PDB file of N, CA and C in Angstrom:
ATOM      1  N   UNK A   1     122.251 120.392 109.260  1.00  0.00           N
ATOM      2  CA  UNK A   1     121.269 121.094 110.060  1.00  0.00           C
ATOM      3  C   UNK A   1     120.200 120.109 110.517  1.00  0.00           C
ATOM      4  N   UNK A   2     119.919 120.029 111.804  1.00  0.00           N
ATOM      5  CA  UNK A   2     118.909 119.085 112.282  1.00  0.00           C
ATOM      6  C   UNK A   2     117.509 119.482 111.813  1.00  0.00           C
ATOM      7  N   UNK A   3     116.663 118.473 111.664  1.00  0.00           N
ATOM      8  CA  UNK A   3     115.289 118.753 111.269  1.00  0.00           C
ATOM      9  C   UNK A   3     114.532 119.355 112.448  1.00  0.00           C
ATOM     10  N   UNK A   4     113.355 119.890 112.157  1.00  0.00           N
ATOM     11  CA  UNK A   4     112.554 120.550 113.182  1.00  0.00           C
ATOM     12  C   UNK A   4     111.984 119.569 114.195  1.00  0.00           C
ATOM     13  N   UNK A   5     111.771 118.321 113.771  1.00  0.00           N
ATOM     14  CA  UNK A   5     111.298 117.301 114.717  1.00  0.00           C
ATOM     15  C   UNK A   5     112.303 116.159 114.756  1.00  0.00           C
ATOM     16  N   UNK A   6     113.534 116.526 114.982  1.00  0.00           N
ATOM     17  CA  UNK A   6     114.656 115.592 115.000  1.00  0.00           C
ATOM     18  C   UNK A   6     114.386 114.401 115.916  1.00  0.00           C
ATOM     19  N   UNK A   7     114.664 113.206 115.404  1.00  0.00           N
ATOM     20  CA  UNK A   7     114.522 111.996 116.197  1.00  0.00           C
ATOM     21  C   UNK A   7     113.127 111.397 116.201  1.00  0.00           C
ATOM     22  N   UNK A   8     112.199 112.006 115.524  1.00  0.00           N
ATOM     23  CA  UNK A   8     110.830 111.487 115.456  1.00  0.00           C
ATOM     24  C   UNK A   8     110.611 110.847 114.092  1.00  0.00           C
ATOM     25  N   UNK A   9     109.529 110.068 113.979  1.00  0.00           N
ATOM     26  CA  UNK A   9     109.169 109.436 112.715  1.00  0.00           C
ATOM     27  C   UNK A   9     107.785 109.897 112.291  1.00  0.00           C
ATOM     28  N   UNK A  10     107.573 109.941 110.976  1.00  0.00           N
ATOM     29  CA  UNK A  10     106.252 110.206 110.411  1.00  0.00           C
ATOM     30  C   UNK A  10     105.886 109.002 109.568  1.00  0.00           C
ATOM     31  N   UNK A  11     104.696 108.476 109.770  1.00  0.00           N
ATOM     32  CA  UNK A  11     104.243 107.321 109.009  1.00  0.00           C
ATOM     33  C   UNK A  11     102.995 107.649 108.212  1.00  0.00           C
ATOM     34  N   UNK A  12     102.968 107.266 106.948  1.00  0.00           N
ATOM     35  CA  UNK A  12     101.819 107.477 106.082  1.00  0.00           C
ATOM     36  C   UNK A  12     101.141 106.145 105.814  1.00  0.00           C
ATOM     37  N   UNK A  13      99.866 106.080 106.078  1.00  0.00           N
ATOM     38  CA  UNK A  13      99.059 104.909 105.745  1.00  0.00           C
ATOM     39  C   UNK A  13      98.529 105.169 104.341  1.00  0.00           C
ATOM     40  N   UNK A  14      99.156 104.548 103.383  1.00  0.00           N
ATOM     41  CA  UNK A  14      98.871 104.826 101.983  1.00  0.00           C
ATOM     42  C   UNK A  14      99.951 105.737 101.421  1.00  0.00           C
ATOM     43  N   UNK A  15     100.416 105.417 100.222  1.00  0.00           N
ATOM     44  CA  UNK A  15     101.507 106.178  99.613  1.00  0.00           C
ATOM     45  C   UNK A  15     101.053 106.838  98.317  1.00  0.00           C
ATOM     46  N   UNK A  16      99.850 107.387  98.340  1.00  0.00           N
ATOM     47  CA  UNK A  16      99.313 108.051  97.154  1.00  0.00           C
ATOM     48  C   UNK A  16      99.925 109.417  96.926  1.00  0.00           C
ATOM     49  N   UNK A  17      99.359 110.118  95.971  1.00  0.00           N
ATOM     50  CA  UNK A  17      99.890 111.427  95.573  1.00  0.00           C
ATOM     51  C   UNK A  17      99.854 112.435  96.718  1.00  0.00           C
ATOM     52  N   UNK A  18      98.800 112.423  97.525  1.00  0.00           N
ATOM     53  CA  UNK A  18      98.706 113.374  98.627  1.00  0.00           C
ATOM     54  C   UNK A  18      99.767 113.082  99.691  1.00  0.00           C
ATOM     55  N   UNK A  19      99.947 111.816 100.013  1.00  0.00           N
ATOM     56  CA  UNK A  19     100.982 111.440 100.983  1.00  0.00           C
ATOM     57  C   UNK A  19     102.366 111.799 100.449  1.00  0.00           C
ATOM     58  N   UNK A  20     102.580 111.564  99.159  1.00  0.00           N
ATOM     59  CA  UNK A  20     103.867 111.919  98.557  1.00  0.00           C
ATOM     60  C   UNK A  20     104.119 113.427  98.648  1.00  0.00           C
ATOM     61  N   UNK A  21     103.110 114.226  98.329  1.00  0.00           N
ATOM     62  CA  UNK A  21     103.268 115.684  98.383  1.00  0.00           C
ATOM     63  C   UNK A  21     103.589 116.151  99.801  1.00  0.00           C
ATOM     64  N   UNK A  22     102.897 115.590 100.781  1.00  0.00           N
ATOM     65  CA  UNK A  22     103.171 115.955 102.176  1.00  0.00           C
ATOM     66  C   UNK A  22     104.587 115.549 102.573  1.00  0.00           C
ATOM     67  N   UNK A  23     104.960 114.315 102.251  1.00  0.00           N
ATOM     68  CA  UNK A  23     106.285 113.810 102.630  1.00  0.00           C
ATOM     69  C   UNK A  23     107.390 114.634 101.984  1.00  0.00           C
ATOM     70  N   UNK A  24     107.258 114.907 100.698  1.00  0.00           N
ATOM     71  CA  UNK A  24     108.273 115.708 100.007  1.00  0.00           C
ATOM     72  C   UNK A  24     108.329 117.122 100.580  1.00  0.00           C
ATOM     73  N   UNK A  25     107.170 117.678 100.921  1.00  0.00           N
ATOM     74  CA  UNK A  25     107.142 119.001 101.527  1.00  0.00           C
ATOM     75  C   UNK A  25     107.847 119.021 102.873  1.00  0.00           C
ATOM     76  N   UNK A  26     107.617 117.998 103.684  1.00  0.00           N
ATOM     77  CA  UNK A  26     108.297 117.902 104.985  1.00  0.00           C
ATOM     78  C   UNK A  26     109.810 117.863 104.801  1.00  0.00           C
ATOM     79  N   UNK A  27     110.263 117.087 103.814  1.00  0.00           N
ATOM     80  CA  UNK A  27     111.702 116.957 103.571  1.00  0.00           C
ATOM     81  C   UNK A  27     112.258 118.266 103.010  1.00  0.00           C
ATOM     82  N   UNK A  28     111.570 118.836 102.025  1.00  0.00           N
ATOM     83  CA  UNK A  28     112.041 120.088 101.409  1.00  0.00           C
ATOM     84  C   UNK A  28     112.150 121.221 102.419  1.00  0.00           C
ATOM     85  N   UNK A  29     111.197 121.286 103.354  1.00  0.00           N
ATOM     86  CA  UNK A  29     111.185 122.357 104.365  1.00  0.00           C
ATOM     87  C   UNK A  29     112.001 121.994 105.602  1.00  0.00           C
ATOM     88  N   UNK A  30     112.681 120.842 105.536  1.00  0.00           N
ATOM     89  CA  UNK A  30     113.546 120.381 106.633  1.00  0.00           C
ATOM     90  C   UNK A  30     112.782 120.167 107.949  1.00  0.00           C
ATOM     91  N   UNK A  31     111.524 119.746 107.818  1.00  0.00           N
ATOM     92  CA  UNK A  31     110.722 119.408 108.998  1.00  0.00           C
ATOM     93  C   UNK A  31     111.196 118.073 109.549  1.00  0.00           C
ATOM     94  N   UNK A  32     111.562 117.161 108.646  1.00  0.00           N
ATOM     95  CA  UNK A  32     112.006 115.829 109.046  1.00  0.00           C
ATOM     96  C   UNK A  32     112.940 115.277 107.973  1.00  0.00           C
ATOM     97  N   UNK A  33     113.837 114.429 108.373  1.00  0.00           N
ATOM     98  CA  UNK A  33     114.731 113.766 107.415  1.00  0.00           C
ATOM     99  C   UNK A  33     113.945 112.697 106.655  1.00  0.00           C
ATOM    100  N   UNK A  34     114.279 112.491 105.389  1.00  0.00           N
ATOM    101  CA  UNK A  34     113.563 111.492 104.596  1.00  0.00           C
ATOM    102  C   UNK A  34     113.694 110.091 105.196  1.00  0.00           C
ATOM    103  N   UNK A  35     114.807 109.805 105.856  1.00  0.00           N
ATOM    104  CA  UNK A  35     115.007 108.477 106.450  1.00  0.00           C
ATOM    105  C   UNK A  35     114.091 108.229 107.651  1.00  0.00           C
ATOM    106  N   UNK A  36     113.447 109.270 108.159  1.00  0.00           N
ATOM    107  CA  UNK A  36     112.505 109.127 109.275  1.00  0.00           C
ATOM    108  C   UNK A  36     111.055 109.104 108.807  1.00  0.00           C
ATOM    109  N   UNK A  37     110.856 108.999 107.505  1.00  0.00           N
ATOM    110  CA  UNK A  37     109.509 108.895 106.940  1.00  0.00           C
ATOM    111  C   UNK A  37     109.256 107.450 106.550  1.00  0.00           C
ATOM    112  N   UNK A  38     108.097 106.942 106.951  1.00  0.00           N
ATOM    113  CA  UNK A  38     107.676 105.577 106.633  1.00  0.00           C
ATOM    114  C   UNK A  38     106.334 105.644 105.930  1.00  0.00           C
ATOM    115  N   UNK A  39     106.108 104.734 105.000  1.00  0.00           N
ATOM    116  CA  UNK A  39     104.787 104.607 104.391  1.00  0.00           C
ATOM    117  C   UNK A  39     104.486 103.133 104.193  1.00  0.00           C
ATOM    118  N   UNK A  40     103.213 102.822 104.158  1.00  0.00           N
ATOM    119  CA  UNK A  40     102.813 101.465 103.792  1.00  0.00           C
ATOM    120  C   UNK A  40     101.771 101.569 102.689  1.00  0.00           C
ATOM    121  N   UNK A  41     101.907 100.708 101.709  1.00  0.00           N
ATOM    122  CA  UNK A  41     101.004 100.712 100.562  1.00  0.00           C
ATOM    123  C   UNK A  41     101.141  99.365  99.864  1.00  0.00           C
ATOM    124  N   UNK A  42     100.042  98.815  99.366  1.00  0.00           N
ATOM    125  CA  UNK A  42     100.140  97.529  98.678  1.00  0.00           C
ATOM    126  C   UNK A  42     100.778  97.633  97.292  1.00  0.00           C
ATOM    127  N   UNK A  43     100.882  98.850  96.756  1.00  0.00           N
ATOM    128  CA  UNK A  43     101.420  99.037  95.410  1.00  0.00           C
ATOM    129  C   UNK A  43     102.942  99.235  95.446  1.00  0.00           C
ATOM    130  N   UNK A  44     103.667  98.341  94.783  1.00  0.00           N
ATOM    131  CA  UNK A  44     105.117  98.459  94.738  1.00  0.00           C
ATOM    132  C   UNK A  44     105.542  99.747  94.048  1.00  0.00           C
ATOM    133  N   UNK A  45     104.830 100.148  93.014  1.00  0.00           N
ATOM    134  CA  UNK A  45     105.225 101.362  92.299  1.00  0.00           C
ATOM    135  C   UNK A  45     105.104 102.597  93.194  1.00  0.00           C
ATOM    136  N   UNK A  46     104.097 102.640  94.065  1.00  0.00           N
ATOM    137  CA  UNK A  46     103.960 103.783  94.979  1.00  0.00           C
ATOM    138  C   UNK A  46     105.015 103.710  96.081  1.00  0.00           C
ATOM    139  N   UNK A  47     105.332 102.507  96.540  1.00  0.00           N
ATOM    140  CA  UNK A  47     106.399 102.376  97.536  1.00  0.00           C
ATOM    141  C   UNK A  47     107.732 102.816  96.935  1.00  0.00           C
ATOM    142  N   UNK A  48     107.960 102.494  95.652  1.00  0.00           N
ATOM    143  CA  UNK A  48     109.200 102.892  94.984  1.00  0.00           C
ATOM    144  C   UNK A  48     109.352 104.409  94.931  1.00  0.00           C
ATOM    145  N   UNK A  49     108.256 105.129  94.759  1.00  0.00           N
ATOM    146  CA  UNK A  49     108.308 106.592  94.735  1.00  0.00           C
ATOM    147  C   UNK A  49     108.898 107.107  96.047  1.00  0.00           C
ATOM    148  N   UNK A  50     108.477 106.532  97.150  1.00  0.00           N
ATOM    149  CA  UNK A  50     108.963 106.974  98.462  1.00  0.00           C
ATOM    150  C   UNK A  50     110.433 106.604  98.669  1.00  0.00           C
ATOM    151  N   UNK A  51     110.810 105.394  98.282  1.00  0.00           N
ATOM    152  CA  UNK A  51     112.199 104.990  98.493  1.00  0.00           C
ATOM    153  C   UNK A  51     113.160 105.774  97.603  1.00  0.00           C
ATOM    154  N   UNK A  52     112.669 106.277  96.469  1.00  0.00           N
ATOM    155  CA  UNK A  52     113.521 107.060  95.576  1.00  0.00           C
ATOM    156  C   UNK A  52     114.013 108.351  96.225  1.00  0.00           C
ATOM    157  N   UNK A  53     113.238 108.929  97.157  1.00  0.00           N
ATOM    158  CA  UNK A  53     113.728 110.141  97.821  1.00  0.00           C
ATOM    159  C   UNK A  53     114.205 109.868  99.250  1.00  0.00           C
ATOM    160  N   UNK A  54     114.457 108.590  99.551  1.00  0.00           N
ATOM    161  CA  UNK A  54     115.111 108.233 100.809  1.00  0.00           C
ATOM    162  C   UNK A  54     114.199 107.825 101.940  1.00  0.00           C
ATOM    163  N   UNK A  55     112.897 107.764 101.689  1.00  0.00           N
ATOM    164  CA  UNK A  55     111.951 107.335 102.724  1.00  0.00           C
ATOM    165  C   UNK A  55     111.909 105.808 102.770  1.00  0.00           C
ATOM    166  N   UNK A  56     111.269 105.275 103.780  1.00  0.00           N
ATOM    167  CA  UNK A  56     111.126 103.831 103.974  1.00  0.00           C
ATOM    168  C   UNK A  56     109.724 103.417 103.560  1.00  0.00           C
ATOM    169  N   UNK A  57     109.615 102.291 102.886  1.00  0.00           N
ATOM    170  CA  UNK A  57     108.306 101.827 102.425  1.00  0.00           C
ATOM    171  C   UNK A  57     108.136 100.345 102.727  1.00  0.00           C
ATOM    172  N   UNK A  58     106.959 100.006 103.218  1.00  0.00           N
ATOM    173  CA  UNK A  58     106.614  98.615 103.508  1.00  0.00           C
ATOM    174  C   UNK A  58     105.183  98.363 103.055  1.00  0.00           C
ATOM    175  N   UNK A  59     104.859  97.090 102.785  1.00  0.00           N
ATOM    176  CA  UNK A  59     103.480  96.755 102.418  1.00  0.00           C
ATOM    177  C   UNK A  59     102.536  97.023 103.576  1.00  0.00           C
ATOM    178  N   UNK A  60     102.936  96.605 104.749  1.00  0.00           N
ATOM    179  CA  UNK A  60     102.189  96.834 105.978  1.00  0.00           C
ATOM    180  C   UNK A  60     103.159  96.528 107.097  1.00  0.00           C
ATOM    181  N   UNK A  61     103.108  97.311 108.122  1.00  0.00           N
ATOM    182  CA  UNK A  61     104.060  97.006 109.166  1.00  0.00           C
ATOM    183  C   UNK A  61     103.915  97.850 110.402  1.00  0.00           C
ATOM    184  N   UNK A  62     104.492  97.343 111.486  1.00  0.00           N
ATOM    185  CA  UNK A  62     104.427  98.061 112.757  1.00  0.00           C
ATOM    186  C   UNK A  62     105.194  99.379 112.729  1.00  0.00           C
ATOM    187  N   UNK A  63     106.144  99.523 111.788  1.00  0.00           N
ATOM    188  CA  UNK A  63     106.908 100.768 111.712  1.00  0.00           C
ATOM    189  C   UNK A  63     105.979 101.959 111.477  1.00  0.00           C
ATOM    190  N   UNK A  64     104.981 101.769 110.631  1.00  0.00           N
ATOM    191  CA  UNK A  64     104.059 102.859 110.316  1.00  0.00           C
ATOM    192  C   UNK A  64     103.071 103.069 111.458  1.00  0.00           C
ATOM    193  N   UNK A  65     102.546 101.981 111.981  1.00  0.00           N
ATOM    194  CA  UNK A  65     101.553 102.105 113.058  1.00  0.00           C
ATOM    195  C   UNK A  65     102.153 102.662 114.335  1.00  0.00           C
ATOM    196  N   UNK A  66     103.449 102.464 114.544  1.00  0.00           N
ATOM    197  CA  UNK A  66     104.062 102.946 115.779  1.00  0.00           C
ATOM    198  C   UNK A  66     104.789 104.272 115.593  1.00  0.00           C
ATOM    199  N   UNK A  67     104.588 104.915 114.457  1.00  0.00           N
ATOM    200  CA  UNK A  67     105.249 106.189 114.205  1.00  0.00           C
ATOM    201  C   UNK A  67     104.775 107.248 115.189  1.00  0.00           C
ATOM    202  N   UNK A  68     105.624 108.209 115.421  1.00  0.00           N
ATOM    203  CA  UNK A  68     105.288 109.315 116.316  1.00  0.00           C
ATOM    204  C   UNK A  68     104.079 110.073 115.777  1.00  0.00           C
ATOM    205  N   UNK A  69     104.070 110.311 114.473  1.00  0.00           N
ATOM    206  CA  UNK A  69     102.953 110.992 113.831  1.00  0.00           C
ATOM    207  C   UNK A  69     102.483 110.093 112.696  1.00  0.00           C
ATOM    208  N   UNK A  70     101.280 109.587 112.775  1.00  0.00           N
ATOM    209  CA  UNK A  70     100.739 108.754 111.707  1.00  0.00           C
ATOM    210  C   UNK A  70      99.738 109.578 110.909  1.00  0.00           C
ATOM    211  N   UNK A  71      99.845 109.539 109.598  1.00  0.00           N
ATOM    212  CA  UNK A  71      99.023 110.359 108.723  1.00  0.00           C
ATOM    213  C   UNK A  71      98.264 109.461 107.766  1.00  0.00           C
ATOM    214  N   UNK A  72      96.989 109.705 107.632  1.00  0.00           N
ATOM    215  CA  UNK A  72      96.202 109.051 106.596  1.00  0.00           C
ATOM    216  C   UNK A  72      95.587 110.159 105.766  1.00  0.00           C
ATOM    217  N   UNK A  73      96.135 110.383 104.602  1.00  0.00           N
ATOM    218  CA  UNK A  73      95.676 111.450 103.721  1.00  0.00           C
ATOM    219  C   UNK A  73      94.593 110.895 102.806  1.00  0.00           C
ATOM    220  N   UNK A  74      93.419 111.495 102.862  1.00  0.00           N
ATOM    221  CA  UNK A  74      92.314 111.023 102.032  1.00  0.00           C
ATOM    222  C   UNK A  74      91.593 112.196 101.384  1.00  0.00           C
ATOM    223  N   UNK A  75      90.909 111.899 100.329  1.00  0.00           N
ATOM    224  CA  UNK A  75      90.074 112.878  99.642  1.00  0.00           C
ATOM    225  C   UNK A  75      88.677 112.296  99.571  1.00  0.00           C
ATOM    226  N   UNK A  76      87.683 113.090  99.928  1.00  0.00           N
ATOM    227  CA  UNK A  76      86.298 112.659  99.817  1.00  0.00           C
ATOM    228  C   UNK A  76      85.883 112.871  98.367  1.00  0.00           C
ATOM    229  N   UNK A  77      85.988 111.807  97.574  1.00  0.00           N
ATOM    230  CA  UNK A  77      85.748 111.911  96.146  1.00  0.00           C
ATOM    231  C   UNK A  77      84.320 112.340  95.837  1.00  0.00           C
ATOM    232  N   UNK A  78      83.347 111.922  96.641  1.00  0.00           N
ATOM    233  CA  UNK A  78      81.962 112.302  96.360  1.00  0.00           C
ATOM    234  C   UNK A  78      81.777 113.815  96.485  1.00  0.00           C
ATOM    235  N   UNK A  79      82.417 114.434  97.475  1.00  0.00           N
ATOM    236  CA  UNK A  79      82.334 115.898  97.613  1.00  0.00           C
ATOM    237  C   UNK A  79      83.054 116.592  96.474  1.00  0.00           C
ATOM    238  N   UNK A  80      84.203 116.026  96.072  1.00  0.00           N
ATOM    239  CA  UNK A  80      84.972 116.604  94.979  1.00  0.00           C
ATOM    240  C   UNK A  80      84.143 116.596  93.700  1.00  0.00           C
ATOM    241  N   UNK A  81      83.515 115.461  93.411  1.00  0.00           N
ATOM    242  CA  UNK A  81      82.697 115.366  92.207  1.00  0.00           C
ATOM    243  C   UNK A  81      81.491 116.298  92.288  1.00  0.00           C
ATOM    244  N   UNK A  82      80.892 116.396  93.460  1.00  0.00           N
ATOM    245  CA  UNK A  82      79.753 117.292  93.632  1.00  0.00           C
ATOM    246  C   UNK A  82      80.178 118.738  93.353  1.00  0.00           C
ATOM    247  N   UNK A  83      81.328 119.138  93.881  1.00  0.00           N
ATOM    248  CA  UNK A  83      81.815 120.496  93.644  1.00  0.00           C
ATOM    249  C   UNK A  83      82.064 120.729  92.164  1.00  0.00           C
ATOM    250  N   UNK A  84      82.640 119.732  91.490  1.00  0.00           N
ATOM    251  CA  UNK A  84      82.889 119.900  90.060  1.00  0.00           C
ATOM    252  C   UNK A  84      81.588 120.040  89.286  1.00  0.00           C
ATOM    253  N   UNK A  85      80.578 119.282  89.664  1.00  0.00           N
ATOM    254  CA  UNK A  85      79.295 119.376  88.967  1.00  0.00           C
ATOM    255  C   UNK A  85      78.645 120.728  89.202  1.00  0.00           C
ATOM    256  N   UNK A  86      78.770 121.260  90.388  1.00  0.00           N
ATOM    257  CA  UNK A  86      78.180 122.576  90.692  1.00  0.00           C
ATOM    258  C   UNK A  86      78.898 123.661  89.903  1.00  0.00           C
ATOM    259  N   UNK A  87      80.227 123.550  89.781  1.00  0.00           N
ATOM    260  CA  UNK A  87      80.997 124.569  89.084  1.00  0.00           C
ATOM    261  C   UNK A  87      80.863 124.468  87.562  1.00  0.00           C
ATOM    262  N   UNK A  88      80.492 123.303  87.052  1.00  0.00           N
ATOM    263  CA  UNK A  88      80.431 123.101  85.588  1.00  0.00           C
ATOM    264  C   UNK A  88      79.272 123.821  84.954  1.00  0.00           C
TER     265      UNK A  88
END
C-alpha cells in the first residue's frame, strides 16, 4: 500500500526522542515509508535508533536540508520547568 505522501522525503534536524516519536508515528500510520525519512544528529546512538527502523541517518548532510518536509522538533525547557514549578 503506498504511503500518503508517496515519493516525498521527511528530514529531521536532530534525532532526539521527539523526532523519533514523530518519525515512528508517520511510519506506523503509513504517512511515509521509513526509507524516505532522514535525520541528522551528531550522536551515533541516536542515529542508530533511526536506522534500526529503516530510516536514514547522517551526521549532517544535504539530504536533510533538501527534504520535502524538514522538521526541527524542540521543547522550550524553560517553559516546561516553569509549568512544573507552578504545578508543584
